[in-house]
């Protein structure tokens, strides 16, 4: 098989680099770590995340689980990325736990302690479930 001329090799390398850069530029960077209170690990994941990942999914996420009593005792904490989080931004409480679900859509946006709602969450999340029904333009008088 004859070898490619130098120009064709250069173009092929250039094309591969451009495609790689496009993929990387579309990827979302998120913090990724986990903490559980009974693991004996330090809580740096909660307060000072360091590890980042390049994610091909849509959202950076935080899931925080606290005990209801004593208030604020963290049971587990996770930073990751997901295509469709269970909840976009919600707090769910039962008799034992208070769960915080946070999602956001910009690089390294999952950097909070999870108690605050994400400020750059996708406003169109779930929009396909909304329905607009056109009303009548005229008002009838009797």
N, C-alpha and C. Protein backbone atom coordinates (compact mmCIF):
# COMPACT_ATOMS: atom_id res chain seq x y z
N UNK A 1 0.85 -1.17 0.00
CA UNK A 1 0.00 0.00 0.00
C UNK A 1 0.90 1.23 0.00
N UNK A 2 0.66 2.15 -0.91
CA UNK A 2 1.52 3.33 -0.98
C UNK A 2 1.28 4.24 0.23
N UNK A 3 2.32 4.92 0.67
CA UNK A 3 2.18 5.81 1.81
C UNK A 3 1.55 7.13 1.37
N UNK A 4 0.89 7.77 2.33
CA UNK A 4 0.24 9.04 2.04
C UNK A 4 1.29 10.12 1.85
N UNK A 5 1.06 11.01 0.91
CA UNK A 5 1.97 12.15 0.77
C UNK A 5 1.95 12.99 2.05
N UNK A 6 2.97 13.74 2.22
CA UNK A 6 3.16 14.54 3.44
C UNK A 6 1.98 15.48 3.70
N UNK A 7 1.45 16.13 2.68
CA UNK A 7 0.33 17.06 2.86
C UNK A 7 -0.91 16.32 3.35
N UNK A 8 -1.19 15.16 2.79
CA UNK A 8 -2.36 14.39 3.21
C UNK A 8 -2.21 13.92 4.66
N UNK A 9 -1.01 13.53 5.06
CA UNK A 9 -0.78 13.13 6.45
C UNK A 9 -1.03 14.32 7.38
N UNK A 10 -0.53 15.48 6.98
CA UNK A 10 -0.71 16.68 7.80
C UNK A 10 -2.18 17.04 7.93
N UNK A 11 -2.93 16.93 6.83
CA UNK A 11 -4.36 17.23 6.88
C UNK A 11 -5.10 16.23 7.76
N UNK A 12 -4.73 14.98 7.70
CA UNK A 12 -5.35 13.96 8.53
C UNK A 12 -5.10 14.24 10.01
N UNK A 13 -3.88 14.57 10.36
CA UNK A 13 -3.54 14.89 11.74
C UNK A 13 -4.31 16.13 12.19
N UNK A 14 -4.38 17.15 11.35
CA UNK A 14 -5.11 18.37 11.66
C UNK A 14 -6.59 18.06 11.91
N UNK A 15 -7.19 17.26 11.05
CA UNK A 15 -8.60 16.90 11.19
C UNK A 15 -8.85 16.17 12.51
N UNK A 16 -8.00 15.23 12.85
CA UNK A 16 -8.15 14.49 14.10
C UNK A 16 -8.03 15.43 15.29
N UNK A 17 -7.10 16.37 15.25
CA UNK A 17 -6.95 17.33 16.35
C UNK A 17 -8.17 18.23 16.48
N UNK A 18 -8.71 18.71 15.37
CA UNK A 18 -9.88 19.58 15.40
C UNK A 18 -11.08 18.84 15.99
N UNK A 19 -11.31 17.62 15.54
CA UNK A 19 -12.42 16.83 16.07
C UNK A 19 -12.24 16.58 17.56
N UNK A 20 -11.03 16.29 17.99
CA UNK A 20 -10.76 16.07 19.41
C UNK A 20 -11.04 17.32 20.22
N UNK A 21 -10.63 18.47 19.72
CA UNK A 21 -10.84 19.73 20.43
C UNK A 21 -12.33 20.05 20.51
N UNK A 22 -13.09 19.77 19.46
CA UNK A 22 -14.53 20.01 19.50
C UNK A 22 -15.19 19.16 20.57
N UNK A 23 -14.78 17.91 20.67
CA UNK A 23 -15.35 17.03 21.68
C UNK A 23 -15.02 17.53 23.08
N UNK A 24 -13.79 17.90 23.29
CA UNK A 24 -13.35 18.37 24.60
C UNK A 24 -14.04 19.68 24.97
N UNK A 25 -14.24 20.59 23.98
CA UNK A 25 -14.86 21.87 24.30
C UNK A 25 -16.33 21.71 24.65
N UNK A 26 -17.00 20.67 24.15
CA UNK A 26 -18.39 20.41 24.49
C UNK A 26 -18.53 19.71 25.84
N UNK A 27 -17.48 19.13 26.32
CA UNK A 27 -17.55 18.37 27.56
C UNK A 27 -17.67 19.32 28.75
N UNK A 28 -18.34 18.85 29.76
CA UNK A 28 -18.56 19.60 30.98
C UNK A 28 -17.56 19.13 32.03
N UNK A 29 -16.93 20.05 32.72
CA UNK A 29 -16.01 19.68 33.80
C UNK A 29 -16.76 19.81 35.12
N UNK A 30 -16.69 18.77 35.91
CA UNK A 30 -17.39 18.73 37.20
C UNK A 30 -16.44 18.24 38.29
N UNK A 31 -16.75 18.65 39.52
CA UNK A 31 -16.05 18.04 40.65
C UNK A 31 -16.65 16.65 40.85
N UNK A 32 -15.81 15.71 41.25
CA UNK A 32 -16.27 14.33 41.47
C UNK A 32 -15.59 13.77 42.71
N UNK A 33 -16.39 13.46 43.72
CA UNK A 33 -15.87 12.84 44.94
C UNK A 33 -17.05 12.38 45.77
N UNK A 34 -16.77 11.64 46.81
CA UNK A 34 -17.85 11.23 47.71
C UNK A 34 -17.31 11.14 49.13
N UNK A 35 -18.24 11.26 50.06
CA UNK A 35 -17.90 11.23 51.48
C UNK A 35 -19.04 10.52 52.21
N UNK A 36 -18.71 9.66 53.12
CA UNK A 36 -19.70 9.09 54.04
C UNK A 36 -19.14 9.21 55.45
N UNK A 37 -20.01 9.57 56.36
CA UNK A 37 -19.58 9.84 57.74
C UNK A 37 -18.94 8.63 58.40
N UNK A 38 -19.42 7.45 58.11
CA UNK A 38 -18.89 6.26 58.79
C UNK A 38 -17.68 5.65 58.09
N UNK A 39 -17.17 6.30 57.05
CA UNK A 39 -16.02 5.75 56.32
C UNK A 39 -14.68 6.10 56.97
N UNK A 40 -14.70 7.09 57.85
CA UNK A 40 -13.46 7.52 58.48
C UNK A 40 -12.65 8.47 57.61
N UNK A 41 -13.14 8.76 56.40
CA UNK A 41 -12.43 9.68 55.50
C UNK A 41 -12.64 11.11 55.96
N UNK A 42 -11.74 11.99 55.51
CA UNK A 42 -11.92 13.40 55.86
C UNK A 42 -13.04 13.98 55.01
N UNK A 43 -13.53 15.15 55.41
CA UNK A 43 -14.66 15.76 54.73
C UNK A 43 -14.26 16.78 53.66
N UNK A 44 -13.09 16.65 53.08
CA UNK A 44 -12.64 17.61 52.06
C UNK A 44 -13.57 17.62 50.85
N UNK A 45 -14.22 16.52 50.55
CA UNK A 45 -15.16 16.48 49.43
C UNK A 45 -16.30 17.48 49.65
N UNK A 46 -16.70 17.66 50.90
CA UNK A 46 -17.81 18.56 51.22
C UNK A 46 -17.37 20.01 51.13
N UNK A 47 -16.22 20.34 51.69
CA UNK A 47 -15.84 21.74 51.85
C UNK A 47 -14.73 22.23 50.92
N UNK A 48 -13.89 21.36 50.41
CA UNK A 48 -12.79 21.76 49.53
C UNK A 48 -12.57 20.72 48.44
N UNK A 49 -13.51 20.62 47.48
CA UNK A 49 -13.33 19.60 46.44
C UNK A 49 -12.13 19.92 45.56
N UNK A 50 -11.42 18.90 45.16
CA UNK A 50 -10.24 19.09 44.32
C UNK A 50 -10.31 18.28 43.03
N UNK A 51 -10.76 17.04 43.12
CA UNK A 51 -10.77 16.15 41.96
C UNK A 51 -11.83 16.60 40.95
N UNK A 52 -11.42 16.74 39.70
CA UNK A 52 -12.35 17.10 38.63
C UNK A 52 -12.37 16.01 37.57
N UNK A 53 -13.48 15.93 36.86
CA UNK A 53 -13.60 15.00 35.75
C UNK A 53 -14.13 15.74 34.54
N UNK A 54 -13.82 15.24 33.36
CA UNK A 54 -14.42 15.74 32.13
C UNK A 54 -15.58 14.82 31.83
N UNK A 55 -16.76 15.40 31.76
CA UNK A 55 -17.98 14.62 31.70
C UNK A 55 -18.73 14.89 30.40
N UNK A 56 -19.22 13.86 29.76
CA UNK A 56 -19.99 14.01 28.53
C UNK A 56 -21.48 14.13 28.83
N UNK A 57 -21.84 14.23 30.08
CA UNK A 57 -23.25 14.33 30.47
C UNK A 57 -23.65 15.79 30.61
N UNK A 58 -24.93 16.04 30.88
CA UNK A 58 -25.49 17.38 30.83
C UNK A 58 -25.33 18.20 32.12
N UNK A 59 -25.34 17.56 33.27
CA UNK A 59 -25.37 18.28 34.54
C UNK A 59 -24.24 17.86 35.47
N UNK A 60 -23.68 18.85 36.17
CA UNK A 60 -22.85 18.59 37.35
C UNK A 60 -23.84 18.50 38.52
N UNK A 61 -23.60 17.59 39.44
CA UNK A 61 -24.58 17.37 40.50
C UNK A 61 -23.94 17.31 41.89
N UNK A 62 -24.77 17.57 42.87
CA UNK A 62 -24.44 17.35 44.28
C UNK A 62 -25.63 16.65 44.91
N UNK A 63 -25.37 15.61 45.67
CA UNK A 63 -26.40 14.98 46.49
C UNK A 63 -25.85 14.94 47.91
N UNK A 64 -26.59 15.58 48.81
CA UNK A 64 -26.17 15.66 50.21
C UNK A 64 -27.26 15.05 51.08
N UNK A 65 -26.87 14.21 52.02
CA UNK A 65 -27.81 13.59 52.95
C UNK A 65 -27.41 13.97 54.37
N UNK A 66 -28.28 14.69 55.06
CA UNK A 66 -28.05 15.09 56.45
C UNK A 66 -29.04 14.37 57.36
N UNK A 67 -28.66 14.22 58.62
CA UNK A 67 -29.61 13.75 59.63
C UNK A 67 -30.52 14.91 60.01
N UNK A 68 -31.78 14.61 60.29
CA UNK A 68 -32.70 15.64 60.77
C UNK A 68 -32.31 16.02 62.20
N UNK A 69 -31.94 15.01 63.02
CA UNK A 69 -31.48 15.24 64.39
C UNK A 69 -30.21 14.46 64.62
N UNK A 70 -29.12 15.03 65.02
CA UNK A 70 -28.88 16.45 65.20
C UNK A 70 -28.82 17.17 63.85
N UNK A 71 -29.34 18.37 63.84
CA UNK A 71 -29.45 19.17 62.62
C UNK A 71 -28.07 19.36 61.98
N UNK A 72 -28.00 19.13 60.68
CA UNK A 72 -26.78 19.40 59.92
C UNK A 72 -25.71 18.34 59.96
N UNK A 73 -25.95 17.23 60.63
CA UNK A 73 -24.95 16.15 60.64
C UNK A 73 -24.97 15.45 59.29
N UNK A 74 -23.86 15.53 58.56
CA UNK A 74 -23.79 14.96 57.22
C UNK A 74 -23.61 13.45 57.31
N UNK A 75 -24.48 12.72 56.62
CA UNK A 75 -24.39 11.27 56.54
C UNK A 75 -23.61 10.88 55.29
N UNK A 76 -23.96 11.50 54.16
CA UNK A 76 -23.24 11.23 52.91
C UNK A 76 -23.28 12.45 52.01
N UNK A 77 -22.31 12.51 51.11
CA UNK A 77 -22.18 13.66 50.22
C UNK A 77 -21.51 13.18 48.94
N UNK A 78 -22.06 13.59 47.80
CA UNK A 78 -21.50 13.15 46.52
C UNK A 78 -21.52 14.28 45.50
N UNK A 79 -20.43 14.42 44.77
CA UNK A 79 -20.34 15.33 43.62
C UNK A 79 -20.09 14.47 42.40
N UNK A 80 -20.85 14.73 41.33
CA UNK A 80 -20.69 13.91 40.13
C UNK A 80 -21.29 14.63 38.93
N UNK A 81 -21.60 13.85 37.88
CA UNK A 81 -22.31 14.40 36.72
C UNK A 81 -23.33 13.37 36.24
N UNK A 82 -24.43 13.88 35.69
CA UNK A 82 -25.53 13.02 35.25
C UNK A 82 -26.21 13.63 34.03
N UNK A 83 -26.85 12.77 33.23
CA UNK A 83 -27.64 13.26 32.10
C UNK A 83 -28.99 13.79 32.56
N UNK A 84 -29.64 13.09 33.45
CA UNK A 84 -30.95 13.51 33.94
C UNK A 84 -31.05 13.22 35.43
N UNK A 85 -30.74 14.22 36.25
CA UNK A 85 -30.79 14.02 37.70
C UNK A 85 -32.21 13.69 38.16
N UNK A 86 -32.31 12.99 39.27
CA UNK A 86 -33.61 12.66 39.84
C UNK A 86 -34.40 13.94 40.14
N UNK A 87 -33.74 14.93 40.72
CA UNK A 87 -34.32 16.26 40.96
C UNK A 87 -33.31 17.28 40.48
N UNK A 88 -33.79 18.37 39.89
CA UNK A 88 -32.89 19.41 39.43
C UNK A 88 -32.34 20.19 40.62
N UNK A 89 -33.20 20.77 41.40
CA UNK A 89 -32.83 21.47 42.63
C UNK A 89 -33.97 21.26 43.61
N UNK A 90 -33.75 20.42 44.60
CA UNK A 90 -34.82 20.11 45.54
C UNK A 90 -34.25 19.75 46.90
N UNK A 91 -35.10 19.90 47.90
CA UNK A 91 -34.79 19.44 49.25
C UNK A 91 -35.94 18.54 49.67
N UNK A 92 -35.63 17.31 50.04
CA UNK A 92 -36.64 16.33 50.46
C UNK A 92 -36.33 15.91 51.89
N UNK A 93 -37.34 15.94 52.74
CA UNK A 93 -37.15 15.62 54.15
C UNK A 93 -38.13 14.54 54.59
N UNK A 94 -37.63 13.58 55.34
CA UNK A 94 -38.51 12.62 56.02
C UNK A 94 -38.18 12.69 57.51
N UNK A 95 -38.62 11.74 58.29
CA UNK A 95 -38.40 11.82 59.75
C UNK A 95 -36.95 11.64 60.15
N UNK A 96 -36.14 11.04 59.29
CA UNK A 96 -34.74 10.76 59.63
C UNK A 96 -33.75 11.62 58.87
N UNK A 97 -33.98 11.84 57.57
CA UNK A 97 -32.99 12.48 56.71
C UNK A 97 -33.53 13.73 56.01
N UNK A 98 -32.61 14.62 55.72
CA UNK A 98 -32.88 15.76 54.84
C UNK A 98 -31.93 15.60 53.66
N UNK A 99 -32.49 15.47 52.46
CA UNK A 99 -31.70 15.24 51.25
C UNK A 99 -31.71 16.51 50.39
N UNK A 100 -30.53 16.90 49.95
CA UNK A 100 -30.37 18.04 49.05
C UNK A 100 -29.95 17.51 47.69
N UNK A 101 -30.66 17.90 46.65
CA UNK A 101 -30.34 17.53 45.27
C UNK A 101 -30.04 18.81 44.51
N UNK A 102 -28.84 18.95 43.98
CA UNK A 102 -28.44 20.16 43.26
C UNK A 102 -27.87 19.78 41.90
N UNK A 103 -28.22 20.56 40.88
CA UNK A 103 -27.73 20.33 39.52
C UNK A 103 -27.43 21.66 38.87
N UNK A 104 -26.41 21.69 38.02
CA UNK A 104 -26.03 22.92 37.33
C UNK A 104 -25.36 22.56 36.01
N UNK A 105 -25.16 23.55 35.15
CA UNK A 105 -24.75 23.25 33.77
C UNK A 105 -23.49 23.98 33.29
N UNK A 106 -22.68 24.50 34.17
CA UNK A 106 -21.44 25.14 33.72
C UNK A 106 -20.24 24.47 34.39
N UNK A 107 -19.07 24.68 33.82
CA UNK A 107 -17.86 24.04 34.33
C UNK A 107 -17.64 24.30 35.81
N UNK A 108 -17.41 23.24 36.54
CA UNK A 108 -17.07 23.27 37.97
C UNK A 108 -18.10 24.02 38.82
N UNK A 109 -19.35 23.96 38.40
CA UNK A 109 -20.41 24.67 39.13
C UNK A 109 -20.88 23.93 40.37
N UNK A 110 -20.53 22.66 40.51
CA UNK A 110 -20.96 21.89 41.68
C UNK A 110 -19.93 22.00 42.81
N UNK A 111 -19.65 23.25 43.17
CA UNK A 111 -18.60 23.53 44.16
C UNK A 111 -19.14 23.97 45.52
N UNK A 112 -20.46 24.03 45.69
CA UNK A 112 -21.01 24.50 46.96
C UNK A 112 -21.13 23.35 47.97
N UNK A 113 -21.61 23.68 49.16
CA UNK A 113 -21.81 22.65 50.18
C UNK A 113 -23.11 21.88 49.98
N UNK A 114 -23.86 22.23 48.95
CA UNK A 114 -25.09 21.52 48.62
C UNK A 114 -26.34 22.06 49.27
N UNK A 115 -26.21 22.95 50.23
CA UNK A 115 -27.39 23.48 50.90
C UNK A 115 -28.08 24.57 50.07
N UNK A 116 -27.31 25.27 49.27
CA UNK A 116 -27.89 26.33 48.43
C UNK A 116 -28.31 25.76 47.08
N UNK A 117 -29.37 26.34 46.52
CA UNK A 117 -29.82 25.96 45.19
C UNK A 117 -28.82 26.44 44.16
N UNK A 118 -28.62 25.65 43.12
CA UNK A 118 -27.69 26.03 42.06
C UNK A 118 -28.23 27.26 41.34
N UNK A 119 -27.35 28.20 41.02
CA UNK A 119 -27.79 29.44 40.39
C UNK A 119 -27.77 29.37 38.87
N UNK A 120 -27.11 28.41 38.29
CA UNK A 120 -27.06 28.34 36.83
C UNK A 120 -27.64 27.03 36.33
N UNK A 121 -28.73 26.60 36.96
CA UNK A 121 -29.38 25.38 36.50
C UNK A 121 -30.09 25.65 35.19
N UNK A 122 -30.37 24.64 34.44
CA UNK A 122 -30.98 24.76 33.13
C UNK A 122 -32.44 25.15 33.27
N UNK A 123 -32.83 26.35 32.79
CA UNK A 123 -34.22 26.78 32.94
C UNK A 123 -35.19 25.98 32.08
N UNK A 124 -34.70 25.25 31.10
CA UNK A 124 -35.57 24.47 30.21
C UNK A 124 -35.75 23.03 30.66
N UNK A 125 -35.15 22.65 31.78
CA UNK A 125 -35.27 21.28 32.26
C UNK A 125 -36.74 20.97 32.51
N UNK A 126 -37.24 19.93 31.89
CA UNK A 126 -38.63 19.53 32.06
C UNK A 126 -39.61 20.34 31.25
N UNK A 127 -39.13 21.24 30.40
CA UNK A 127 -40.03 22.10 29.63
C UNK A 127 -40.92 21.32 28.69
N UNK A 128 -40.49 20.16 28.24
CA UNK A 128 -41.32 19.36 27.34
C UNK A 128 -42.58 18.86 28.03
N UNK A 129 -42.62 18.93 29.35
CA UNK A 129 -43.79 18.50 30.09
C UNK A 129 -44.81 19.61 30.27
N UNK A 130 -44.45 20.85 29.88
CA UNK A 130 -45.36 21.97 29.99
C UNK A 130 -46.24 22.02 28.75
N UNK A 131 -47.47 22.46 28.91
CA UNK A 131 -48.36 22.58 27.77
C UNK A 131 -48.97 23.97 27.80
N UNK A 132 -48.95 24.66 26.67
CA UNK A 132 -49.57 25.97 26.56
C UNK A 132 -50.85 25.79 25.75
N UNK A 133 -51.94 26.27 26.29
CA UNK A 133 -53.23 26.19 25.60
C UNK A 133 -53.68 27.60 25.31
N UNK A 134 -53.89 27.87 24.03
CA UNK A 134 -54.28 29.21 23.62
C UNK A 134 -55.70 29.49 24.09
N UNK A 135 -55.89 30.67 24.65
CA UNK A 135 -57.22 31.08 25.10
C UNK A 135 -57.93 31.87 24.02
N UNK A 136 -59.08 32.35 24.34
CA UNK A 136 -59.85 33.16 23.39
C UNK A 136 -59.41 34.60 23.50
N UNK A 137 -59.35 35.26 22.35
CA UNK A 137 -58.95 36.66 22.32
C UNK A 137 -60.10 37.61 22.62
N UNK A 138 -61.32 37.18 22.39
CA UNK A 138 -62.46 38.08 22.55
C UNK A 138 -63.15 37.84 23.88
N UNK A 139 -63.75 38.87 24.38
CA UNK A 139 -64.55 38.77 25.59
C UNK A 139 -65.99 39.07 25.18
N UNK A 140 -66.87 38.17 25.48
CA UNK A 140 -68.28 38.36 25.11
C UNK A 140 -69.00 39.14 26.19
N UNK A 141 -69.82 40.05 25.77
CA UNK A 141 -70.66 40.76 26.73
C UNK A 141 -72.07 40.20 26.64
N UNK A 142 -72.75 40.16 27.73
CA UNK A 142 -74.11 39.59 27.74
C UNK A 142 -75.14 40.63 27.70
